[in-house]
N, C-alpha and C. Protein backbone atom coordinates (compact mmCIF):
# COMPACT_ATOMS: atom_id res chain seq x y z
N MET A 1 -61.83 -42.38 15.94
CA MET A 1 -60.81 -43.19 15.70
C MET A 1 -59.76 -42.25 14.58
N SER A 2 -58.50 -42.98 14.39
CA SER A 2 -57.68 -41.94 13.50
C SER A 2 -57.62 -42.31 12.13
N PRO A 3 -56.91 -41.30 11.29
CA PRO A 3 -56.96 -41.83 10.23
C PRO A 3 -55.95 -42.78 9.76
N ALA A 4 -56.21 -43.46 8.53
CA ALA A 4 -55.15 -44.30 8.29
C ALA A 4 -53.42 -43.78 8.16
N MET A 5 -52.40 -44.16 8.47
CA MET A 5 -50.92 -43.68 8.08
C MET A 5 -51.22 -43.70 6.65
N PRO A 6 -50.34 -42.89 6.22
CA PRO A 6 -50.46 -43.39 4.59
C PRO A 6 -48.96 -43.91 4.64
N ARG A 7 -48.69 -44.59 3.33
CA ARG A 7 -47.40 -45.81 3.19
C ARG A 7 -46.22 -44.58 2.83
N SER A 8 -46.33 -43.48 2.05
CA SER A 8 -45.33 -42.61 2.10
C SER A 8 -45.66 -41.04 2.05
N VAL A 9 -44.56 -40.06 2.42
CA VAL A 9 -44.58 -38.78 2.44
C VAL A 9 -45.75 -38.32 1.10
N GLY A 10 -44.97 -39.00 -0.07
CA GLY A 10 -45.88 -38.15 -1.12
C GLY A 10 -46.92 -38.43 -1.00
N GLU A 11 -47.71 -39.28 -0.60
CA GLU A 11 -49.26 -39.62 -0.24
C GLU A 11 -49.98 -38.62 1.03
N MET A 12 -48.88 -37.95 1.71
CA MET A 12 -49.47 -37.28 2.81
C MET A 12 -50.00 -36.20 2.52
N GLN A 13 -51.26 -35.72 3.33
CA GLN A 13 -51.52 -34.18 2.95
C GLN A 13 -51.46 -33.24 3.94
N LEU A 14 -49.45 -32.70 3.49
CA LEU A 14 -49.15 -32.43 4.84
C LEU A 14 -50.19 -30.93 4.82
N PRO A 15 -50.13 -30.00 6.11
CA PRO A 15 -50.37 -28.87 6.46
C PRO A 15 -49.54 -28.06 5.11
N ARG A 16 -50.33 -26.52 4.91
CA ARG A 16 -49.76 -25.61 4.14
C ARG A 16 -48.51 -25.04 5.17
N LEU A 17 -47.27 -25.33 4.68
CA LEU A 17 -45.82 -24.50 4.89
C LEU A 17 -45.41 -23.29 4.94
N THR A 18 -44.77 -23.17 5.59
CA THR A 18 -44.26 -21.78 5.58
C THR A 18 -42.56 -21.81 5.40
N PRO A 19 -42.08 -22.68 5.29
CA PRO A 19 -40.34 -22.58 5.01
C PRO A 19 -40.29 -22.48 3.11
N ILE A 20 -39.12 -21.63 3.39
CA ILE A 20 -38.61 -20.97 2.34
C ILE A 20 -37.94 -22.23 0.83
N VAL A 21 -37.32 -23.43 1.94
CA VAL A 21 -36.59 -23.79 1.24
C VAL A 21 -37.86 -25.27 1.01
N ALA A 22 -37.93 -26.20 0.11
CA ALA A 22 -38.49 -26.86 -0.47
C ALA A 22 -38.49 -28.37 0.27
N MET A 23 -39.44 -29.00 0.66
CA MET A 23 -38.90 -30.37 1.32
C MET A 23 -38.43 -31.29 0.22
N ARG A 24 -37.41 -31.85 0.31
CA ARG A 24 -37.38 -33.10 -0.96
C ARG A 24 -38.64 -34.50 -0.44
N PRO A 25 -38.75 -35.19 -1.11
CA PRO A 25 -39.54 -36.41 -0.86
C PRO A 25 -38.77 -37.21 0.32
N LEU A 26 -39.44 -37.85 1.39
CA LEU A 26 -38.64 -38.99 2.40
C LEU A 26 -39.48 -40.23 2.47
N ARG A 27 -38.91 -41.01 2.42
CA ARG A 27 -39.44 -42.07 2.26
C ARG A 27 -39.84 -42.63 3.72
N GLU A 28 -40.47 -43.60 4.01
CA GLU A 28 -41.19 -44.11 5.25
C GLU A 28 -40.01 -44.65 5.99
N ALA A 29 -38.85 -45.48 5.15
CA ALA A 29 -38.18 -46.30 5.64
C ALA A 29 -36.76 -45.07 6.71
N ASN A 30 -37.03 -44.24 6.19
CA ASN A 30 -35.69 -43.00 6.82
C ASN A 30 -36.32 -42.87 8.42
N PHE A 31 -38.05 -42.88 8.73
CA PHE A 31 -38.09 -42.96 10.03
C PHE A 31 -38.52 -44.03 10.52
N PRO A 32 -38.40 -44.13 11.94
CA PRO A 32 -38.92 -45.53 12.77
C PRO A 32 -40.60 -45.49 12.53
N SER A 33 -41.12 -46.59 13.17
CA SER A 33 -42.79 -46.62 12.84
C SER A 33 -43.55 -45.43 13.91
N GLY A 34 -44.40 -44.77 13.48
CA GLY A 34 -45.04 -43.67 13.95
C GLY A 34 -44.57 -42.54 14.46
N SER A 35 -43.27 -42.49 13.81
CA SER A 35 -42.57 -41.17 13.32
C SER A 35 -43.15 -39.82 12.62
N LEU A 36 -43.58 -40.65 11.39
CA LEU A 36 -44.22 -39.54 10.13
C LEU A 36 -45.39 -38.61 11.15
N VAL A 37 -46.33 -39.31 11.92
CA VAL A 37 -46.96 -38.47 12.62
C VAL A 37 -46.30 -37.46 13.50
N VAL A 38 -45.37 -37.75 14.09
CA VAL A 38 -44.58 -37.00 15.03
C VAL A 38 -43.86 -35.96 13.83
N PHE A 39 -43.49 -36.21 12.81
CA PHE A 39 -43.24 -35.16 11.98
C PHE A 39 -44.01 -34.28 11.61
N ARG A 40 -44.90 -34.88 10.63
CA ARG A 40 -46.54 -33.99 10.37
C ARG A 40 -46.86 -32.83 11.52
N GLU A 41 -46.64 -33.17 12.76
CA GLU A 41 -47.32 -32.46 14.06
C GLU A 41 -46.11 -31.53 14.19
N LEU A 42 -44.88 -31.72 14.49
CA LEU A 42 -44.05 -30.72 14.27
C LEU A 42 -44.07 -29.61 13.38
N TRP A 43 -44.12 -30.16 12.40
CA TRP A 43 -44.36 -29.02 11.38
C TRP A 43 -45.61 -27.89 11.44
N LYS A 44 -46.18 -28.19 12.09
CA LYS A 44 -47.55 -27.47 12.66
C LYS A 44 -47.42 -26.54 13.89
N MET A 45 -46.47 -27.03 14.29
CA MET A 45 -45.96 -26.39 15.33
C MET A 45 -45.33 -24.47 15.63
N LYS A 46 -45.69 -24.01 15.48
CA LYS A 46 -45.25 -22.43 15.97
C LYS A 46 -43.72 -21.99 16.52
N ARG A 47 -42.78 -21.59 16.04
CA ARG A 47 -41.46 -21.37 16.68
C ARG A 47 -41.71 -20.73 18.29
N ARG A 48 -42.64 -19.79 18.55
CA ARG A 48 -42.87 -19.24 19.71
C ARG A 48 -43.93 -20.08 20.64
N SER A 49 -44.63 -21.08 20.18
CA SER A 49 -45.00 -21.92 21.02
C SER A 49 -44.07 -22.74 21.59
N PHE A 50 -43.03 -23.21 20.65
CA PHE A 50 -42.20 -24.17 20.99
C PHE A 50 -41.35 -23.60 21.57
N ILE A 51 -40.91 -22.13 21.99
CA ILE A 51 -40.15 -21.49 22.47
C ILE A 51 -40.67 -21.01 24.09
N ALA A 52 -41.58 -20.98 23.96
CA ALA A 52 -42.38 -20.68 25.19
C ALA A 52 -42.57 -22.24 26.18
N GLY A 53 -42.96 -23.13 25.47
CA GLY A 53 -43.27 -24.52 25.85
C GLY A 53 -42.05 -24.85 26.82
N ILE A 54 -40.51 -24.46 25.81
CA ILE A 54 -39.50 -25.17 26.26
C ILE A 54 -39.14 -24.32 27.72
N GLY A 55 -39.43 -22.96 27.95
CA GLY A 55 -39.10 -22.22 28.65
C GLY A 55 -40.24 -22.41 29.65
N ALA A 56 -41.39 -22.40 29.80
CA ALA A 56 -42.44 -23.04 30.71
C ALA A 56 -41.86 -24.24 31.62
N ALA A 57 -41.37 -25.55 30.67
CA ALA A 57 -40.31 -26.50 31.10
C ALA A 57 -39.42 -26.15 32.21
N ALA A 58 -38.45 -25.22 31.74
CA ALA A 58 -37.58 -25.11 32.37
C ALA A 58 -37.69 -24.30 33.58
N TYR A 59 -38.51 -23.75 33.41
CA TYR A 59 -39.08 -23.19 35.06
C TYR A 59 -39.67 -23.86 35.78
N GLY A 60 -40.84 -24.61 35.41
CA GLY A 60 -41.47 -25.62 36.18
C GLY A 60 -40.44 -26.77 36.71
N SER A 61 -39.45 -26.84 36.15
CA SER A 61 -38.64 -27.94 36.41
C SER A 61 -37.60 -27.69 37.73
N SER A 62 -37.60 -26.25 37.65
CA SER A 62 -36.43 -25.66 38.63
C SER A 62 -37.44 -25.48 39.97
N ALA A 63 -38.58 -24.66 39.33
CA ALA A 63 -39.96 -24.52 40.81
C ALA A 63 -39.90 -26.16 41.47
N LEU A 64 -40.13 -27.66 40.66
CA LEU A 64 -40.11 -28.45 41.23
C LEU A 64 -38.92 -28.76 42.03
N ALA A 65 -38.04 -28.81 41.70
CA ALA A 65 -36.85 -28.80 42.42
C ALA A 65 -36.57 -27.93 43.92
N GLY A 66 -37.31 -26.71 43.77
CA GLY A 66 -37.01 -26.31 45.06
C GLY A 66 -36.00 -24.97 44.77
N GLN A 67 -35.24 -24.44 43.50
CA GLN A 67 -34.82 -23.45 43.30
C GLN A 67 -35.44 -22.28 42.72
N ALA A 68 -34.93 -21.22 42.82
CA ALA A 68 -35.45 -20.04 42.15
C ALA A 68 -35.01 -20.10 40.67
N PRO A 69 -35.61 -19.75 39.80
CA PRO A 69 -34.88 -19.71 38.44
C PRO A 69 -34.22 -18.47 38.50
N ALA A 70 -32.91 -18.67 37.25
CA ALA A 70 -31.81 -17.88 37.36
C ALA A 70 -32.62 -16.84 36.64
N VAL A 71 -32.43 -15.92 37.01
CA VAL A 71 -33.20 -14.18 36.11
C VAL A 71 -31.58 -13.51 36.30
N PRO A 72 -31.11 -13.31 35.02
CA PRO A 72 -30.23 -12.68 35.14
C PRO A 72 -30.72 -10.75 35.41
N ALA A 73 -29.54 -10.18 36.42
CA ALA A 73 -29.83 -8.85 36.81
C ALA A 73 -29.67 -8.07 35.94
N ALA A 74 -30.41 -6.75 35.99
CA ALA A 74 -29.98 -5.81 34.81
C ALA A 74 -29.34 -4.72 35.76
N ALA A 75 -28.07 -5.05 35.42
CA ALA A 75 -27.30 -3.91 35.89
C ALA A 75 -26.46 -3.34 34.89
N ALA A 76 -25.73 -1.76 35.59
CA ALA A 76 -24.74 -1.41 34.78
C ALA A 76 -23.44 -1.70 34.36
N PRO A 77 -22.55 -1.88 33.44
CA PRO A 77 -21.48 -2.87 33.45
C PRO A 77 -20.77 -2.14 34.28
N ALA A 78 -19.69 -2.89 34.98
CA ALA A 78 -18.65 -2.51 35.97
C ALA A 78 -17.54 -1.76 35.66
N ALA A 79 -17.32 -0.89 35.92
CA ALA A 79 -16.18 0.22 35.61
C ALA A 79 -14.64 -0.91 35.92
N PRO A 80 -13.81 -0.69 35.39
CA PRO A 80 -12.49 -1.31 35.97
C PRO A 80 -12.29 -0.79 37.05
N ARG A 81 -11.38 -1.94 37.76
CA ARG A 81 -11.14 -1.41 39.44
C ARG A 81 -10.05 -0.50 38.93
N LYS A 82 -9.70 0.30 39.94
CA LYS A 82 -8.89 1.20 39.55
C LYS A 82 -7.59 0.76 39.72
N PRO A 83 -7.04 -0.09 40.53
CA PRO A 83 -5.53 -0.54 40.20
C PRO A 83 -5.12 -1.45 39.17
N TYR A 84 -6.30 -1.51 38.14
CA TYR A 84 -5.97 -2.51 36.91
C TYR A 84 -6.51 -1.22 35.99
N LYS A 85 -6.72 -0.32 35.82
CA LYS A 85 -7.36 1.04 35.18
C LYS A 85 -5.32 1.34 34.18
N THR A 86 -4.79 1.11 34.95
CA THR A 86 -3.07 2.00 34.38
C THR A 86 -2.79 0.47 34.02
N LEU A 87 -3.04 -0.33 34.48
CA LEU A 87 -2.13 -1.97 33.92
C LEU A 87 -2.80 -2.24 32.25
N ALA A 88 -4.40 -1.64 32.22
CA ALA A 88 -4.86 -2.20 30.72
C ALA A 88 -4.37 -1.05 29.97
N GLU A 89 -4.50 0.36 30.32
CA GLU A 89 -3.74 1.25 29.90
C GLU A 89 -2.20 1.19 29.24
N THR A 90 -1.25 0.70 30.24
CA THR A 90 -0.28 0.24 29.82
C THR A 90 0.08 -0.64 28.67
N SER A 91 -0.89 -1.74 28.88
CA SER A 91 -0.72 -2.76 28.12
C SER A 91 -1.21 -2.43 26.72
N ALA A 92 -2.04 -1.68 26.74
CA ALA A 92 -2.67 -1.27 25.35
C ALA A 92 -1.40 -0.80 24.46
N LYS A 93 -0.55 0.12 25.37
CA LYS A 93 0.38 0.65 24.51
C LYS A 93 1.74 0.04 24.32
N CYS A 94 1.70 -0.92 24.96
CA CYS A 94 2.65 -1.87 24.26
C CYS A 94 2.39 -2.78 23.60
N LEU A 95 1.06 -2.87 23.61
CA LEU A 95 0.21 -3.91 22.65
C LEU A 95 0.69 -3.18 20.73
N GLU A 96 0.57 -1.48 21.10
CA GLU A 96 0.63 -1.04 19.83
C GLU A 96 2.01 -0.95 19.43
N ALA A 97 2.92 -0.74 20.43
CA ALA A 97 4.42 -0.68 20.22
C ALA A 97 4.74 -2.19 19.50
N SER A 98 4.51 -2.61 20.04
CA SER A 98 5.06 -4.27 19.28
C SER A 98 4.25 -4.40 18.03
N ARG A 99 3.06 -3.84 17.88
CA ARG A 99 2.71 -4.20 16.21
C ARG A 99 3.44 -3.17 15.52
N ASP A 100 4.09 -2.33 16.08
CA ASP A 100 4.65 -1.28 15.00
C ASP A 100 6.00 -2.01 14.93
N CYS A 101 6.69 -2.64 15.80
CA CYS A 101 7.83 -3.06 15.73
C CYS A 101 7.65 -4.39 15.05
N LEU A 102 6.28 -5.25 15.04
CA LEU A 102 6.64 -6.28 14.01
C LEU A 102 6.26 -6.14 12.75
N ARG A 103 5.82 -4.77 12.19
CA ARG A 103 5.59 -4.16 11.32
C ARG A 103 6.99 -4.39 10.69
N LYS A 104 8.17 -3.01 11.00
CA LYS A 104 9.46 -3.01 10.78
C LYS A 104 9.84 -4.47 10.79
N SER A 105 9.76 -5.27 11.62
CA SER A 105 10.84 -6.65 11.68
C SER A 105 10.45 -7.08 10.10
N PHE A 106 9.25 -7.49 10.01
CA PHE A 106 8.53 -8.01 9.07
C PHE A 106 8.92 -7.65 7.53
N GLU A 107 9.08 -6.04 7.50
CA GLU A 107 10.18 -5.32 6.20
C GLU A 107 11.07 -5.75 6.29
N ARG A 108 12.08 -5.87 7.25
CA ARG A 108 13.37 -6.34 7.27
C ARG A 108 13.53 -7.98 7.08
N LEU A 109 12.49 -8.46 7.25
CA LEU A 109 12.36 -9.89 6.92
C LEU A 109 11.99 -9.98 5.39
N SER A 110 11.36 -9.54 4.70
CA SER A 110 11.16 -9.63 3.77
C SER A 110 12.30 -8.99 2.61
N ALA A 111 12.81 -8.13 3.27
CA ALA A 111 14.33 -8.01 2.25
C ALA A 111 15.55 -8.63 2.83
N LYS A 112 15.66 -9.88 3.12
CA LYS A 112 16.24 -11.04 3.27
C LYS A 112 17.48 -10.36 4.32
N ASP A 113 16.73 -9.49 5.37
CA ASP A 113 17.80 -9.36 6.26
C ASP A 113 17.10 -10.09 7.92
N PRO A 114 17.55 -11.38 8.29
CA PRO A 114 17.23 -12.39 9.21
C PRO A 114 17.54 -11.36 11.03
N SER A 115 18.27 -10.31 10.60
CA SER A 115 18.74 -10.11 12.21
C SER A 115 17.43 -9.78 12.95
N LEU A 116 16.19 -9.18 12.64
CA LEU A 116 15.29 -9.09 13.39
C LEU A 116 14.31 -10.55 13.55
N ALA A 117 14.78 -11.37 13.34
CA ALA A 117 13.89 -12.79 13.71
C ALA A 117 13.52 -12.88 14.99
N ASP A 118 14.48 -12.37 15.91
CA ASP A 118 14.03 -12.72 17.06
C ASP A 118 13.37 -11.89 17.80
N CYS A 119 13.60 -10.44 17.44
CA CYS A 119 12.80 -9.56 18.09
C CYS A 119 11.46 -9.72 17.46
N ALA A 120 10.90 -10.04 16.15
CA ALA A 120 9.87 -10.06 15.62
C ALA A 120 8.94 -11.54 16.51
N SER A 121 9.87 -12.98 16.54
CA SER A 121 9.31 -13.48 17.28
C SER A 121 9.18 -12.93 18.81
N LEU A 122 9.41 -12.36 19.60
CA LEU A 122 9.21 -11.76 20.82
C LEU A 122 8.07 -10.44 20.93
N ALA A 123 8.25 -9.91 19.88
CA ALA A 123 7.27 -8.92 19.48
C ALA A 123 5.71 -9.54 19.31
N SER A 124 5.79 -10.36 18.64
CA SER A 124 4.66 -11.55 18.32
C SER A 124 3.59 -11.85 19.97
N GLU A 125 4.81 -12.39 20.55
CA GLU A 125 4.79 -13.23 21.93
C GLU A 125 3.85 -11.55 22.86
N VAL A 126 4.59 -10.57 22.75
CA VAL A 126 4.48 -9.72 23.74
C VAL A 126 3.09 -9.11 22.89
N ALA A 127 2.70 -8.74 21.91
CA ALA A 127 1.32 -8.59 21.33
C ALA A 127 0.63 -9.26 21.81
N ALA A 128 0.57 -10.69 21.54
CA ALA A 128 -0.42 -11.43 22.15
C ALA A 128 -0.42 -11.64 23.65
N ALA A 129 0.31 -11.15 24.26
CA ALA A 129 0.05 -11.42 25.89
C ALA A 129 -0.67 -9.76 26.55
N CYS A 130 -0.18 -8.91 25.68
CA CYS A 130 -0.81 -7.73 25.99
C CYS A 130 -2.21 -7.46 25.87
N ALA A 131 -2.72 -8.01 24.48
CA ALA A 131 -3.55 -8.32 24.07
C ALA A 131 -4.55 -8.90 25.42
N ALA A 132 -4.13 -9.89 25.56
CA ALA A 132 -4.76 -10.67 26.81
C ALA A 132 -5.04 -9.87 28.11
N LEU A 133 -3.72 -9.23 28.44
CA LEU A 133 -3.74 -8.63 29.40
C LEU A 133 -4.60 -7.55 29.70
N GLU A 134 -4.95 -6.27 28.46
CA GLU A 134 -5.55 -5.87 28.46
C GLU A 134 -7.01 -6.01 28.81
N ALA A 135 -7.20 -7.01 28.36
CA ALA A 135 -8.61 -7.38 28.38
C ALA A 135 -9.39 -7.64 29.56
N LEU A 136 -7.85 -8.64 29.92
CA LEU A 136 -8.53 -9.19 31.73
C LEU A 136 -8.28 -7.50 32.66
N ALA A 137 -6.96 -7.16 32.34
CA ALA A 137 -7.38 -6.08 33.47
C ALA A 137 -8.61 -4.88 33.09
N GLY A 138 -8.53 -4.67 31.79
CA GLY A 138 -9.74 -4.02 31.81
C GLY A 138 -11.30 -4.13 32.26
N THR A 139 -11.55 -5.19 32.28
CA THR A 139 -12.67 -5.87 32.87
C THR A 139 -12.81 -6.37 34.57
N GLY A 140 -11.24 -6.13 35.25
CA GLY A 140 -11.08 -6.57 36.37
C GLY A 140 -11.27 -7.94 36.84
N ALA A 141 -10.83 -8.24 36.20
CA ALA A 141 -11.08 -9.98 36.52
C ALA A 141 -9.50 -10.34 37.24
N PRO A 142 -10.17 -11.25 38.23
CA PRO A 142 -9.23 -11.21 39.57
C PRO A 142 -8.27 -12.43 38.56
N PHE A 143 -8.06 -12.74 37.25
CA PHE A 143 -6.92 -13.70 37.07
C PHE A 143 -5.67 -12.36 36.20
N ALA A 144 -5.96 -11.39 35.96
CA ALA A 144 -5.25 -10.34 35.47
C ALA A 144 -4.08 -10.20 36.71
N VAL A 145 -3.93 -10.51 37.62
CA VAL A 145 -2.61 -10.06 38.49
C VAL A 145 -1.87 -11.40 38.42
N GLY A 146 -2.64 -13.06 38.20
CA GLY A 146 -1.39 -13.58 37.64
C GLY A 146 -1.18 -13.66 36.50
N PHE A 147 -1.69 -13.33 35.54
CA PHE A 147 -1.37 -12.89 34.36
C PHE A 147 -0.39 -11.90 34.17
N ALA A 148 -0.22 -10.83 34.77
CA ALA A 148 0.30 -9.82 34.67
C ALA A 148 1.83 -10.19 35.26
N ARG A 149 2.12 -11.03 35.83
CA ARG A 149 3.38 -11.93 36.57
C ARG A 149 4.22 -12.02 35.24
N THR A 150 3.18 -13.11 34.58
CA THR A 150 3.99 -13.67 32.91
C THR A 150 4.43 -12.64 32.17
N ALA A 151 3.07 -12.15 32.13
CA ALA A 151 3.28 -10.53 31.04
C ALA A 151 4.40 -10.09 31.48
N ALA A 152 5.01 -9.67 32.31
CA ALA A 152 5.90 -8.81 33.37
C ALA A 152 7.35 -9.60 32.47
N ASP A 153 7.45 -10.81 32.93
CA ASP A 153 8.64 -11.76 32.37
C ASP A 153 8.66 -11.72 31.04
N LEU A 154 7.89 -11.58 29.99
CA LEU A 154 7.63 -11.57 28.96
C LEU A 154 8.19 -10.58 27.83
N CYS A 155 7.63 -9.01 28.70
CA CYS A 155 8.10 -7.80 28.30
C CYS A 155 9.46 -7.41 28.69
N LEU A 156 10.36 -8.13 29.70
CA LEU A 156 11.30 -7.59 30.26
C LEU A 156 12.22 -8.76 29.50
N ALA A 157 12.10 -9.97 28.84
CA ALA A 157 12.54 -10.81 27.78
C ALA A 157 12.76 -9.73 26.50
N CYS A 158 11.60 -9.18 25.98
CA CYS A 158 11.55 -8.46 24.70
C CYS A 158 12.30 -7.10 24.86
N LYS A 159 12.36 -6.72 26.16
CA LYS A 159 12.89 -5.07 26.35
C LYS A 159 14.39 -5.44 25.94
N LYS A 160 15.11 -6.49 26.49
CA LYS A 160 16.53 -6.98 26.32
C LYS A 160 16.74 -6.90 25.09
N GLU A 161 15.49 -8.17 24.04
CA GLU A 161 16.03 -8.07 22.88
C GLU A 161 15.68 -6.92 21.79
N CYS A 162 14.93 -6.03 22.42
CA CYS A 162 14.97 -4.56 21.84
C CYS A 162 16.14 -3.18 21.77
N GLU A 163 16.92 -3.76 23.13
CA GLU A 163 18.00 -2.75 23.19
C GLU A 163 19.41 -3.16 22.20
N LYS A 164 19.40 -4.26 21.84
CA LYS A 164 20.32 -4.75 20.27
C LYS A 164 20.24 -3.82 19.49
N PHE A 165 18.91 -3.32 19.23
CA PHE A 165 18.51 -2.52 17.92
C PHE A 165 18.40 -1.50 18.30
N PRO A 166 19.64 -0.17 18.66
CA PRO A 166 19.21 0.81 19.09
C PRO A 166 18.91 1.85 17.88
N GLN A 167 19.24 1.69 16.76
CA GLN A 167 19.35 2.47 15.16
C GLN A 167 18.03 2.38 14.53
N ILE A 168 17.15 1.14 15.24
CA ILE A 168 15.64 1.15 15.00
C ILE A 168 14.78 1.96 15.73
N ALA A 169 13.87 2.83 15.20
CA ALA A 169 13.06 3.39 16.49
C ALA A 169 12.14 2.64 16.88
N GLU A 170 11.24 1.79 15.88
CA GLU A 170 10.26 0.94 16.76
C GLU A 170 10.54 -0.07 17.34
N CYS A 171 12.36 -0.36 17.40
CA CYS A 171 12.71 -1.30 18.64
C CYS A 171 12.81 -0.54 20.25
N LEU A 172 13.29 0.81 19.53
CA LEU A 172 13.31 1.69 20.68
C LEU A 172 12.00 1.82 21.74
N ALA A 173 11.20 2.31 20.90
CA ALA A 173 9.88 2.39 21.56
C ALA A 173 8.90 1.27 22.03
N LEU A 174 9.11 0.21 21.26
CA LEU A 174 8.78 -1.13 21.83
C LEU A 174 9.67 -1.24 23.53
N GLY A 175 11.05 -1.18 23.54
CA GLY A 175 11.80 -1.51 24.53
C GLY A 175 11.46 -0.29 25.49
N ALA A 176 10.81 0.74 25.04
CA ALA A 176 10.52 1.97 26.64
C ALA A 176 8.94 0.79 26.79
N ALA A 177 7.91 0.82 26.20
CA ALA A 177 6.52 0.41 26.61
C ALA A 177 6.79 -0.53 27.28
N CYS A 178 7.56 -1.83 26.72
CA CYS A 178 7.85 -2.76 27.70
C CYS A 178 8.53 -2.79 29.13
N ARG A 179 9.09 -1.51 28.81
CA ARG A 179 10.01 -1.22 30.70
C ARG A 179 8.76 -0.80 31.35
N THR A 180 7.63 -0.02 30.87
CA THR A 180 6.55 0.76 31.50
C THR A 180 5.61 -0.44 31.67
N CYS A 181 5.33 -1.03 30.63
CA CYS A 181 4.59 -2.33 31.06
C CYS A 181 5.03 -3.00 31.99
N ALA A 182 6.07 -3.87 31.94
CA ALA A 182 6.59 -5.11 32.98
C ALA A 182 6.54 -4.04 34.18
N GLU A 183 6.90 -2.75 34.63
CA GLU A 183 7.04 -2.09 35.95
C GLU A 183 5.73 -2.12 36.31
N GLU A 184 4.54 -1.56 35.38
CA GLU A 184 3.07 -1.39 35.72
C GLU A 184 2.19 -3.26 36.17
N CYS A 185 3.47 -4.04 35.77
CA CYS A 185 2.65 -5.48 35.75
C CYS A 185 3.49 -5.99 37.17
N ARG A 186 4.30 -5.30 37.65
CA ARG A 186 5.04 -5.72 38.88
C ARG A 186 4.18 -5.14 39.97
N LYS A 187 3.74 -3.94 39.98
CA LYS A 187 2.93 -3.33 40.72
C LYS A 187 1.51 -3.96 41.11
N ALA A 188 1.31 -4.74 39.94
CA ALA A 188 0.03 -4.83 39.83
C ALA A 188 -0.06 -6.38 40.56
N ALA A 189 1.03 -6.97 40.61
CA ALA A 189 1.03 -8.40 40.97
C ALA A 189 1.53 -8.36 42.44
N GLY A 190 2.47 -7.29 42.44
CA GLY A 190 2.65 -7.16 44.34
C GLY A 190 4.02 -7.60 44.47
């Protein structure tokens, strides 16, 4: 015989709880019929037993389906493939040069000189593209080759824009870095 269901949570004798946050009084109307018992039992459950139960259920369901459970292999992280290593290095150099050019462009723009607005726009795009290319090439991702084609076009456009400002050292440095990065992207893309 089960004990009578209390009418509200306020009347219920809950087991000793360990949460730090105090529970607000709950009304019976907030739960469908019979769910107060489930709520009380959930508070009794320990976290480890819950996680162990979920893990056992997942393992059991995969065993019943005839599949081997997925177990991650403990392998050393793979080094970047050799053709992509130089691509990652040149894109990192181009990224640094584009950030330097952006700083200089923002200085000129804040001084109300709009001449470097297009250069700042392209340098921002090159920075984003080179950061992504560095990440892809550094991990040896298969999509690095396809992205290298796009990055090469962007670097060439930035190089042309940087050549308009030979008096600014940051623009010259970004132009040279973009030329090198575009050449390396073309080599990787084939």
